[in-house]
Protein backbone atom coordinates (compact mmCIF):
# COMPACT_ATOMS: atom_id res chain seq x y z
CA MET A 1 11.55 -33.19 -27.38
CA LYS A 2 9.41 -30.09 -27.33
CA LYS A 3 10.23 -27.26 -25.00
CA LYS A 4 7.65 -26.78 -22.31
CA LYS A 5 6.82 -23.23 -21.39
CA ASN A 6 6.20 -22.65 -17.73
CA TYR A 7 3.07 -20.50 -17.58
CA GLY A 8 2.94 -20.73 -13.78
CA VAL A 9 5.68 -18.15 -13.37
CA ILE A 10 3.76 -15.16 -14.76
CA PRO A 11 0.75 -15.48 -12.40
CA LEU A 12 3.18 -15.95 -9.50
CA LEU A 13 5.04 -12.76 -10.39
CA ILE A 14 1.75 -10.87 -10.73
CA ALA A 15 0.63 -12.14 -7.31
CA ILE A 16 3.93 -11.10 -5.71
CA PHE A 17 3.73 -7.66 -7.33
CA LEU A 18 0.15 -7.13 -6.16
CA THR A 19 1.06 -8.21 -2.63
CA ILE A 20 3.98 -5.79 -2.47
CA ALA A 21 1.89 -2.98 -3.95
CA SER A 22 -0.85 -3.58 -1.38
CA VAL A 23 1.59 -3.49 1.54
CA VAL A 24 3.18 -0.28 0.24
CA TYR A 25 -0.26 1.31 -0.19
CA ILE A 26 -1.31 0.37 3.36
CA ILE A 27 1.91 1.78 4.82
CA TRP A 28 1.57 4.97 2.74
CA ARG A 29 -2.02 5.49 3.90
CA GLY A 30 -0.99 5.04 7.53
CA VAL A 31 1.78 7.60 7.24
CA SER A 32 -0.49 9.99 5.37
CA ASN A 33 -3.27 9.71 7.95
CA LYS A 34 -0.81 10.25 10.80
CA ALA A 35 0.54 13.41 9.16
CA TYR A 36 -3.00 14.67 8.55
CA GLU A 37 -4.02 14.11 12.16
CA GLU A 38 -0.88 15.83 13.46
CA LYS A 39 -1.57 18.80 11.18
CA TRP A 40 -5.07 19.36 12.55
CA GLU A 41 -4.27 18.39 16.16
CA ASP A 42 -3.94 22.02 17.30
CA TYR A 43 -7.34 22.92 15.89
CA ASP A 44 -8.99 20.14 17.90
CA GLU A 45 -7.69 21.72 21.11
CA CYS A 46 -8.90 25.23 20.33
CA GLY A 47 -12.41 24.20 19.38
CA TYR A 48 -12.22 25.52 15.82
CA CYS A 49 -13.67 22.34 14.35
């Protein structure tokens, strides 16, 4: 009997990694945008923009 290699595992792991990386990136962008808006919030009120 020959050993069968399961090539379906590697694409699955790549898909899981890309999904996790995408979710982390989306969360990071949201946090970054919130911090940016809070930083410039005072300038919006004074009309400096």
